[in-house]
N, C-alpha and C. Protein backbone atom coordinates (compact mmCIF):
# COMPACT_ATOMS: atom_id res chain seq x y z
N MET A 1 111.05 121.34 98.71
CA MET A 1 111.30 120.44 99.81
C MET A 1 112.01 121.20 100.95
N GLN A 2 112.99 122.02 100.59
CA GLN A 2 113.72 122.76 101.61
C GLN A 2 112.79 123.71 102.37
N GLN A 3 111.89 124.36 101.64
CA GLN A 3 110.95 125.29 102.28
C GLN A 3 110.01 124.54 103.20
N ALA A 4 109.54 123.36 102.76
CA ALA A 4 108.65 122.55 103.60
C ALA A 4 109.36 122.10 104.87
N LYS A 5 110.64 121.76 104.73
CA LYS A 5 111.43 121.35 105.91
C LYS A 5 111.54 122.49 106.91
N SER A 6 111.86 123.67 106.39
CA SER A 6 112.09 124.80 107.30
C SER A 6 110.80 125.33 107.91
N GLN A 7 109.66 125.08 107.25
CA GLN A 7 108.38 125.58 107.76
C GLN A 7 107.41 124.42 108.00
N PHE A 8 107.94 123.30 108.47
CA PHE A 8 107.11 122.10 108.62
C PHE A 8 105.90 122.33 109.52
N CYS A 9 106.07 123.05 110.58
CA CYS A 9 104.96 123.30 111.51
C CYS A 9 103.82 124.02 110.78
N ALA A 10 104.13 125.02 109.99
CA ALA A 10 103.09 125.76 109.25
C ALA A 10 102.44 124.87 108.19
N VAL A 11 103.25 124.06 107.51
CA VAL A 11 102.72 123.14 106.49
C VAL A 11 101.75 122.16 107.14
N ALA A 12 102.15 121.62 108.29
CA ALA A 12 101.30 120.66 109.01
C ALA A 12 100.01 121.32 109.49
N GLU A 13 100.09 122.54 109.97
CA GLU A 13 98.90 123.25 110.44
C GLU A 13 97.90 123.47 109.29
N HIS A 14 98.41 123.83 108.12
CA HIS A 14 97.53 124.00 106.96
C HIS A 14 96.87 122.67 106.59
N ALA A 15 97.65 121.60 106.64
CA ALA A 15 97.12 120.27 106.29
C ALA A 15 96.02 119.86 107.26
N VAL A 16 96.22 120.10 108.54
CA VAL A 16 95.21 119.77 109.55
C VAL A 16 93.98 120.64 109.37
N GLY A 17 94.16 121.83 108.85
CA GLY A 17 93.05 122.75 108.61
C GLY A 17 92.23 122.40 107.37
N GLY A 18 92.51 121.26 106.77
CA GLY A 18 91.72 120.82 105.62
C GLY A 18 92.28 121.26 104.28
N LYS A 19 93.51 121.76 104.28
CA LYS A 19 94.15 122.19 103.03
C LYS A 19 95.35 121.29 102.76
N PRO A 20 95.19 120.24 101.94
CA PRO A 20 96.33 119.37 101.63
C PRO A 20 97.51 120.18 101.08
N GLN A 21 98.70 119.83 101.49
CA GLN A 21 99.90 120.56 101.09
C GLN A 21 100.73 119.70 100.15
N VAL A 22 100.94 120.18 98.93
CA VAL A 22 101.76 119.48 97.96
C VAL A 22 103.19 119.97 98.12
N VAL A 23 104.10 119.03 98.37
CA VAL A 23 105.51 119.36 98.52
C VAL A 23 106.21 118.91 97.24
N THR A 24 106.99 119.81 96.66
CA THR A 24 107.68 119.50 95.42
C THR A 24 109.16 119.25 95.67
N LYS A 25 109.75 118.49 94.77
CA LYS A 25 111.19 118.23 94.82
C LYS A 25 111.69 118.44 93.39
N HIS A 26 112.61 119.35 93.23
CA HIS A 26 113.12 119.71 91.90
C HIS A 26 112.00 120.17 90.98
N GLY A 27 111.02 120.89 91.55
CA GLY A 27 109.93 121.46 90.77
C GLY A 27 108.81 120.49 90.41
N ARG A 28 108.89 119.26 90.89
CA ARG A 28 107.85 118.26 90.60
C ARG A 28 107.17 117.82 91.90
N PRO A 29 105.85 117.53 91.83
CA PRO A 29 105.17 117.05 93.04
C PRO A 29 105.87 115.81 93.60
N PHE A 30 106.10 115.83 94.90
CA PHE A 30 106.84 114.75 95.55
C PHE A 30 105.97 114.00 96.55
N VAL A 31 105.33 114.73 97.46
CA VAL A 31 104.42 114.15 98.45
C VAL A 31 103.28 115.12 98.71
N VAL A 32 102.20 114.59 99.27
CA VAL A 32 101.09 115.43 99.69
C VAL A 32 100.91 115.19 101.19
N ILE A 33 100.84 116.25 101.93
CA ILE A 33 100.65 116.16 103.38
C ILE A 33 99.20 116.51 103.68
N VAL A 34 98.51 115.59 104.35
CA VAL A 34 97.11 115.83 104.74
C VAL A 34 96.99 115.56 106.23
N GLY A 35 95.94 116.10 106.81
CA GLY A 35 95.67 115.87 108.23
C GLY A 35 95.29 114.41 108.47
N ALA A 36 95.54 113.92 109.67
CA ALA A 36 95.25 112.52 110.01
C ALA A 36 93.77 112.19 109.84
N GLU A 37 92.90 113.11 110.21
CA GLU A 37 91.46 112.85 110.09
C GLU A 37 91.05 112.75 108.62
N ASP A 38 91.61 113.61 107.78
CA ASP A 38 91.32 113.54 106.34
C ASP A 38 91.83 112.23 105.75
N TRP A 39 93.00 111.81 106.17
CA TRP A 39 93.58 110.54 105.69
C TRP A 39 92.69 109.36 106.11
N LYS A 40 92.26 109.38 107.34
CA LYS A 40 91.42 108.31 107.86
C LYS A 40 90.10 108.23 107.08
N ASN A 41 89.50 109.38 106.80
CA ASN A 41 88.23 109.42 106.07
C ASN A 41 88.38 109.05 104.60
N ALA A 42 89.55 109.27 104.03
CA ALA A 42 89.77 109.01 102.60
C ALA A 42 90.04 107.53 102.33
N ARG A 43 90.51 106.81 103.33
CA ARG A 43 90.85 105.40 103.12
C ARG A 43 89.58 104.55 103.13
N PRO A 44 89.49 103.62 102.20
CA PRO A 44 88.32 102.74 102.21
C PRO A 44 88.36 101.81 103.42
N GLY A 45 87.19 101.50 103.96
CA GLY A 45 87.13 100.60 105.11
C GLY A 45 87.46 99.18 104.69
N LYS A 46 87.93 98.41 105.63
CA LYS A 46 88.27 97.02 105.33
C LYS A 46 86.99 96.21 105.19
N LYS A 47 86.97 95.32 104.21
CA LYS A 47 85.82 94.46 103.99
C LYS A 47 86.16 93.04 104.42
N THR A 48 85.14 92.33 104.83
CA THR A 48 85.33 90.91 105.12
C THR A 48 85.38 90.18 103.78
N LEU A 49 85.85 88.94 103.79
CA LEU A 49 85.90 88.15 102.57
C LEU A 49 84.50 88.00 101.98
N LEU A 50 83.51 87.76 102.83
CA LEU A 50 82.14 87.60 102.35
C LEU A 50 81.65 88.88 101.66
N GLU A 51 81.93 90.04 102.24
CA GLU A 51 81.53 91.31 101.63
C GLU A 51 82.22 91.51 100.29
N ALA A 52 83.50 91.14 100.20
CA ALA A 52 84.23 91.28 98.95
C ALA A 52 83.66 90.36 97.88
N LEU A 53 83.32 89.13 98.26
CA LEU A 53 82.74 88.20 97.29
C LEU A 53 81.36 88.67 96.83
N ARG A 54 80.58 89.20 97.75
CA ARG A 54 79.25 89.70 97.38
C ARG A 54 79.34 90.91 96.46
N ALA A 55 80.40 91.70 96.59
CA ALA A 55 80.57 92.89 95.76
C ALA A 55 81.19 92.57 94.40
N CYS A 56 81.60 91.33 94.20
CA CYS A 56 82.25 90.92 92.95
C CYS A 56 81.27 91.06 91.78
N PRO A 57 81.70 91.71 90.69
CA PRO A 57 80.80 91.88 89.56
C PRO A 57 80.57 90.60 88.75
N VAL A 58 81.37 89.57 88.99
CA VAL A 58 81.24 88.30 88.27
C VAL A 58 80.26 87.40 89.01
N ASP A 59 79.44 86.66 88.27
CA ASP A 59 78.48 85.73 88.89
C ASP A 59 79.25 84.55 89.47
N LEU A 60 79.23 84.42 90.79
CA LEU A 60 79.96 83.34 91.47
C LEU A 60 79.05 82.20 91.88
N SER A 61 77.82 82.20 91.41
CA SER A 61 76.87 81.17 91.85
C SER A 61 77.26 79.77 91.38
N ASP A 62 78.05 79.66 90.30
CA ASP A 62 78.47 78.34 89.82
C ASP A 62 79.78 77.89 90.45
N LEU A 63 80.33 78.66 91.32
CA LEU A 63 81.60 78.33 91.96
C LEU A 63 81.40 77.18 92.94
N ASP A 64 82.20 76.11 92.78
CA ASP A 64 82.10 74.93 93.65
C ASP A 64 82.94 75.18 94.90
N LEU A 65 82.30 75.35 96.04
CA LEU A 65 82.99 75.63 97.29
C LEU A 65 82.98 74.45 98.26
N THR A 66 82.64 73.26 97.76
CA THR A 66 82.62 72.08 98.62
C THR A 66 84.04 71.57 98.84
N ARG A 67 84.26 70.98 100.00
CA ARG A 67 85.58 70.46 100.33
C ARG A 67 85.70 69.02 99.85
N SER A 68 86.89 68.66 99.47
CA SER A 68 87.17 67.30 99.03
C SER A 68 87.13 66.36 100.24
N LYS A 69 86.58 65.15 100.04
CA LYS A 69 86.50 64.16 101.12
C LYS A 69 87.71 63.21 101.06
N GLU A 70 88.56 63.38 100.06
CA GLU A 70 89.72 62.52 99.92
C GLU A 70 90.72 62.74 101.04
N LEU A 71 91.39 61.67 101.42
CA LEU A 71 92.46 61.77 102.42
C LEU A 71 93.71 62.30 101.76
N PRO A 72 94.58 62.91 102.52
CA PRO A 72 95.82 63.41 101.92
C PRO A 72 96.70 62.24 101.46
N ARG A 73 97.56 62.49 100.51
CA ARG A 73 98.44 61.43 100.02
C ARG A 73 99.48 61.10 101.09
N PRO A 74 99.97 59.86 101.10
CA PRO A 74 100.98 59.47 102.09
C PRO A 74 102.28 60.25 101.88
N LEU A 75 102.94 60.54 102.97
CA LEU A 75 104.16 61.31 102.92
C LEU A 75 105.26 60.52 103.59
N SER A 76 106.37 60.33 102.91
CA SER A 76 107.49 59.61 103.53
C SER A 76 108.57 60.62 103.86
N LEU A 77 109.06 60.56 105.07
CA LEU A 77 110.09 61.50 105.50
C LEU A 77 111.43 60.85 105.57
């Protein structure tokens, strides 16, 4: 960690160059530094609810999605 702090510019340059940098703390992996473009490409894109439901491995064809026609219960304040 101390070495990464003192040479942060070089660590960042390597990460931007497509070489992820593993930073250790007390001899154990602590964080990985990657370039912004690599991070952006590695993240899955956001799906709409419809896309997520269509990708569901469970058969949802029997799911009742109709709305209730009942009125809400009375509320006393």
